[in-house]
Protein backbone atom coordinates (compact mmCIF):
# COMPACT_ATOMS: atom_id res chain seq x y z
CA MET A 1 -46.02 62.10 142.86
CA LYS A 2 -42.33 61.98 142.08
CA VAL A 3 -40.41 65.19 141.40
CA ILE A 4 -37.86 64.61 138.66
CA TYR A 5 -35.18 67.02 137.52
CA ILE A 6 -33.70 66.11 134.13
CA THR A 7 -30.98 67.82 132.13
CA GLY A 8 -31.03 67.80 128.33
CA THR A 9 -34.80 67.46 127.87
CA SER A 10 -35.00 69.12 124.46
CA ARG A 11 -34.21 65.88 122.60
CA GLY A 12 -32.95 62.31 122.80
CA LEU A 13 -32.96 60.28 125.99
CA GLY A 14 -33.64 63.30 128.21
CA LYS A 15 -36.82 64.16 126.33
CA ALA A 16 -37.95 60.51 126.26
CA LEU A 17 -37.44 60.18 130.02
CA ALA A 18 -39.33 63.40 130.69
CA GLU A 19 -42.28 62.41 128.50
CA GLN A 20 -42.61 58.98 130.10
CA TYR A 21 -42.43 60.33 133.64
CA LEU A 22 -45.09 62.87 132.70
CA GLN A 23 -47.32 60.06 131.41
CA ASN A 24 -46.97 58.49 134.86
CA GLY A 25 -48.37 61.65 136.46
CA ASP A 26 -45.09 62.89 137.90
CA LEU A 27 -43.75 66.44 138.04
CA VAL A 28 -40.79 67.02 135.71
CA VAL A 29 -38.42 69.99 135.73
CA GLY A 30 -36.37 70.05 132.56
CA MET A 31 -33.12 71.91 132.05
CA SER A 32 -31.94 72.65 128.51
CA ARG A 33 -31.42 75.53 126.13
CA ASN A 34 -34.74 74.93 124.33
CA SER A 35 -38.13 73.65 125.43
CA THR A 36 -39.80 71.03 123.21
CA ILE A 37 -42.28 69.62 125.74
CA LYS A 38 -45.73 70.98 126.55
CA HIS A 39 -47.49 69.44 129.56
CA PRO A 40 -49.19 70.88 132.65
CA ASN A 41 -46.78 68.96 134.91
CA TYR A 42 -43.69 70.09 133.01
CA GLN A 43 -41.58 73.05 134.10
CA HIS A 44 -38.70 74.22 131.97
CA ILE A 45 -35.54 76.02 133.02
CA PRO A 46 -33.86 77.54 129.94
CA VAL A 47 -30.13 77.22 130.51
CA ASP A 48 -26.88 76.51 128.72
CA LEU A 49 -25.51 73.85 131.04
CA SER A 50 -21.96 74.42 129.81
CA ASP A 51 -22.12 77.95 131.25
CA ILE A 52 -21.10 77.40 134.86
CA GLU A 53 -22.18 80.85 136.03
CA LYS A 54 -25.74 80.18 134.87
CA LEU A 55 -25.86 76.93 136.83
CA GLU A 56 -25.71 78.96 140.03
CA LYS A 57 -29.17 80.34 139.22
CA ILE A 58 -30.76 76.88 139.23
CA VAL A 59 -32.71 76.26 142.43
CA PHE A 60 -33.99 72.97 143.83
CA ARG A 61 -37.02 73.39 146.09
CA PRO A 62 -38.93 71.05 148.40
CA THR A 63 -42.38 70.16 147.05
CA ASP A 64 -45.45 69.36 149.11
CA ASN A 65 -46.41 65.67 149.07
CA ALA A 66 -43.36 64.64 147.06
CA GLU A 67 -43.02 60.85 147.02
CA SER A 68 -39.35 61.16 146.08
CA TYR A 69 -36.89 63.51 144.40
CA ILE A 70 -34.83 62.39 141.42
CA LEU A 71 -32.03 64.21 139.62
CA ILE A 72 -31.06 62.73 136.25
CA ASN A 73 -27.83 64.19 134.87
CA ASN A 74 -28.45 63.25 131.26
CA ALA A 75 -27.14 66.14 129.15
CA GLY A 76 -23.85 65.48 127.40
CA THR A 77 -21.88 66.18 124.28
CA LEU A 78 -19.47 64.19 122.17
CA GLY A 79 -17.37 67.28 121.60
CA GLU A 80 -14.95 67.49 118.72
CA VAL A 81 -13.91 64.14 117.28
CA LYS A 82 -10.27 65.00 116.71
CA HIS A 83 -6.87 63.82 117.83
CA VAL A 84 -5.06 65.67 120.58
CA GLY A 85 -3.17 68.54 118.98
CA SER A 86 -6.00 69.32 116.57
CA MET A 87 -8.75 70.36 118.99
CA ASP A 88 -10.10 73.82 119.78
CA SER A 89 -9.41 74.88 123.38
CA LEU A 90 -12.81 76.52 123.89
CA MET A 91 -14.60 73.43 122.57
CA ILE A 92 -12.66 71.27 125.02
CA ALA A 93 -13.71 73.48 127.94
CA LYS A 94 -17.39 73.60 126.92
CA ALA A 95 -17.60 69.82 126.53
CA VAL A 96 -15.93 69.16 129.88
CA ASN A 97 -18.24 71.70 131.54
CA LEU A 98 -21.33 70.00 130.16
CA ASN A 99 -20.23 66.40 130.68
CA ILE A 100 -18.76 66.51 134.18
CA THR A 101 -18.71 69.98 135.78
CA ALA A 102 -22.46 70.56 135.37
CA PRO A 103 -23.48 67.17 136.85
CA MET A 104 -21.19 67.74 139.85
CA VAL A 105 -22.51 71.26 140.44
CA LEU A 106 -26.14 70.17 140.10
CA ALA A 107 -25.71 67.14 142.37
CA ASN A 108 -24.10 69.38 144.96
CA LYS A 109 -26.94 71.91 144.78
CA PHE A 110 -29.56 69.11 144.81
CA MET A 111 -28.12 67.64 148.01
CA ASP A 112 -27.67 71.00 149.68
CA ALA A 113 -31.27 72.02 149.04
CA LEU A 114 -33.01 68.72 149.80
CA CYS A 115 -30.76 66.90 152.27
CA ASN A 116 -33.19 67.42 155.16
CA GLU A 117 -36.27 66.26 153.25
CA LYS A 118 -37.73 62.97 154.51
CA ALA A 119 -38.65 61.80 151.02
CA PRO A 120 -36.05 59.53 149.39
CA LYS A 121 -33.67 61.19 146.96
CA TYR A 122 -31.97 59.67 143.93
CA VAL A 123 -29.26 60.90 141.59
CA LEU A 124 -28.82 59.10 138.27
CA ASN A 125 -25.81 60.05 136.16
CA ILE A 126 -26.02 58.98 132.54
CA GLY A 127 -22.57 57.66 131.74
CA SER A 128 -21.23 55.71 128.78
CA GLY A 129 -19.24 52.63 127.94
CA ALA A 130 -16.77 55.14 126.52
CA GLY A 131 -15.88 55.97 130.12
CA THR A 132 -14.05 52.65 130.34
CA SER A 133 -12.66 52.56 126.79
CA ALA A 134 -9.86 54.40 124.98
CA ILE A 135 -11.29 55.57 121.64
CA ASP A 136 -9.14 57.68 119.35
CA GLY A 137 -10.66 61.07 118.60
CA TRP A 138 -12.85 60.86 121.70
CA SER A 139 -10.35 62.02 124.33
CA VAL A 140 -12.69 64.64 125.79
CA TYR A 141 -15.79 62.43 125.79
CA CYS A 142 -14.08 59.30 127.15
CA SER A 143 -12.22 61.27 129.82
CA SER A 144 -15.28 63.17 131.01
CA LYS A 145 -17.37 59.99 131.15
CA ALA A 146 -14.62 58.26 133.13
CA ALA A 147 -14.75 61.24 135.48
CA ILE A 148 -18.52 60.92 135.95
CA ASN A 149 -18.01 57.25 136.83
CA MET A 150 -15.53 58.15 139.57
CA PHE A 151 -17.68 61.01 140.82
CA GLY A 152 -20.58 58.59 141.21
CA GLU A 153 -18.46 56.10 143.14
CA ILE A 154 -17.18 58.73 145.57
CA PHE A 155 -20.63 60.29 145.98
CA ASP A 156 -22.06 56.84 146.73
CA LYS A 157 -19.36 56.18 149.35
CA GLU A 158 -20.08 59.50 151.06
CA LEU A 159 -23.80 58.75 151.19
CA MET A 160 -23.19 55.35 152.76
CA LEU A 161 -20.90 56.89 155.40
CA LYS A 162 -23.68 59.32 156.30
CA ASP A 163 -26.39 56.64 156.20
CA SER A 164 -28.27 59.05 153.92
CA ASN A 165 -31.68 58.45 152.39
CA CYS A 166 -30.19 59.53 149.06
CA LYS A 167 -28.77 57.04 146.56
CA VAL A 168 -26.66 57.60 143.45
CA ARG A 169 -25.93 55.46 140.42
CA THR A 170 -24.12 55.94 137.13
CA LEU A 171 -25.71 54.16 134.20
CA ALA A 172 -24.32 53.35 130.75
CA PRO A 173 -27.47 53.23 128.59
CA GLY A 174 -25.89 51.57 125.54
CA ILE A 175 -26.03 52.77 121.95
CA ILE A 176 -29.06 54.95 121.27
CA ASP A 177 -30.32 56.37 117.98
CA THR A 178 -29.83 60.05 118.79
CA GLU A 179 -28.21 63.10 117.22
CA MET A 180 -24.96 62.15 118.94
CA GLN A 181 -24.81 58.96 116.87
CA SER A 182 -25.35 61.07 113.76
CA GLU A 183 -22.45 63.30 114.80
CA ILE A 184 -20.26 60.24 115.25
CA ARG A 185 -21.02 59.01 111.73
CA GLN A 186 -20.02 62.39 110.31
CA ALA A 187 -16.55 62.21 111.87
CA SER A 188 -13.39 62.05 109.79
CA ARG A 189 -11.68 58.67 109.47
CA GLU A 190 -8.41 60.54 109.90
CA HIS A 191 -9.39 61.34 113.48
CA PHE A 192 -11.58 58.33 114.26
CA SER A 193 -10.35 54.90 113.20
CA ASP A 194 -13.49 53.10 114.48
CA LEU A 195 -15.91 55.00 112.25
CA LYS A 196 -17.08 51.95 110.28
CA ARG A 197 -18.31 50.18 113.41
CA PHE A 198 -20.65 53.07 114.18
CA GLU A 199 -21.79 53.29 110.57
CA ASP A 200 -22.65 49.59 110.80
CA TYR A 201 -24.69 50.12 113.97
CA LYS A 202 -27.05 52.33 111.97
CA LYS A 203 -26.92 50.18 108.84
CA ASN A 204 -27.74 47.00 110.79
CA ASN A 205 -30.44 48.62 112.97
CA ASP A 206 -28.45 47.93 116.12
CA LEU A 207 -29.31 51.28 117.72
CA ASN A 208 -31.97 51.38 120.41
CA SER A 209 -34.59 54.10 120.33
CA ALA A 210 -34.52 56.73 123.06
CA SER A 211 -38.06 55.80 124.11
CA GLU A 212 -37.12 52.12 124.50
CA VAL A 213 -34.13 52.94 126.69
CA ALA A 214 -36.12 55.44 128.75
CA ALA A 215 -38.80 52.82 129.38
CA LYS A 216 -36.18 50.29 130.54
CA ILE A 217 -34.60 52.80 132.91
CA ILE A 218 -37.92 53.77 134.48
CA SER A 219 -39.30 50.22 134.74
CA ASN A 220 -36.05 48.93 136.28
CA PHE A 221 -35.38 51.97 138.46
CA ASN A 222 -35.54 50.07 141.76
CA LEU A 223 -33.33 47.26 140.46
CA ILE A 224 -30.72 49.77 139.37
CA TYR A 225 -30.53 51.21 142.86
CA LYS A 226 -30.46 47.82 144.58
CA ASN A 227 -27.31 46.88 142.68
CA LYS A 228 -24.16 47.66 144.66
CA ASP A 229 -22.10 48.50 141.56
CA ALA A 230 -22.10 52.23 140.83
CA ILE A 231 -21.36 51.73 137.12
CA GLN A 232 -23.95 49.70 135.26
CA SER A 233 -25.40 49.08 131.85
CA ILE A 234 -29.11 49.04 131.07
CA ARG A 235 -28.40 45.89 129.09
CA ASN A 236 -28.10 44.08 132.42
CA TYR A 237 -31.82 44.64 132.93
């Protein structure tokens, strides 16, 4: 039995990943503000992941007969789609906390609690192609996803230096039909010049479902971790 910790399990990719791992008979611990999953193998930690003080209360514990431990830093937010000079300071801070500070804190706590466990450990950070692109109106999202890419690279280097039985990867899952895509389509053209492209994704049925992407991630899990590149796209698999 795998023990999987997933952030953002109330909806979207996080929920789809949790449900499919549960179907496989694994133990899933979800972290989100609301619980939308009912299953005997599902444990929920109600938490606002943008509240750093509350992250300190999250505890990772060894589990008897665990085949492996997996932390999936999935939760994220687009934040305000506005040009610099028009954004709300508090909204900037909350988005950065959720997109990069929370994954770093949780990965640190995960390693600290489980570093001596013999079972293999994996950290999967859900990144974005936006982390390597400059998109107007998305300064907070692009910057925080670029940061998660670099965090993953440094974390991976540290693990190799220690010859650890933990591995980390950062994955760009592609365009998924989630509430974030809906938020993007509601943006103002004044602050987001590329709006039409995202409207066309929906119009042309180019968006992947969360369940499809979750299935690809799980079925190609070993391939993802065999690849030496820290930043990858599920489209490669």
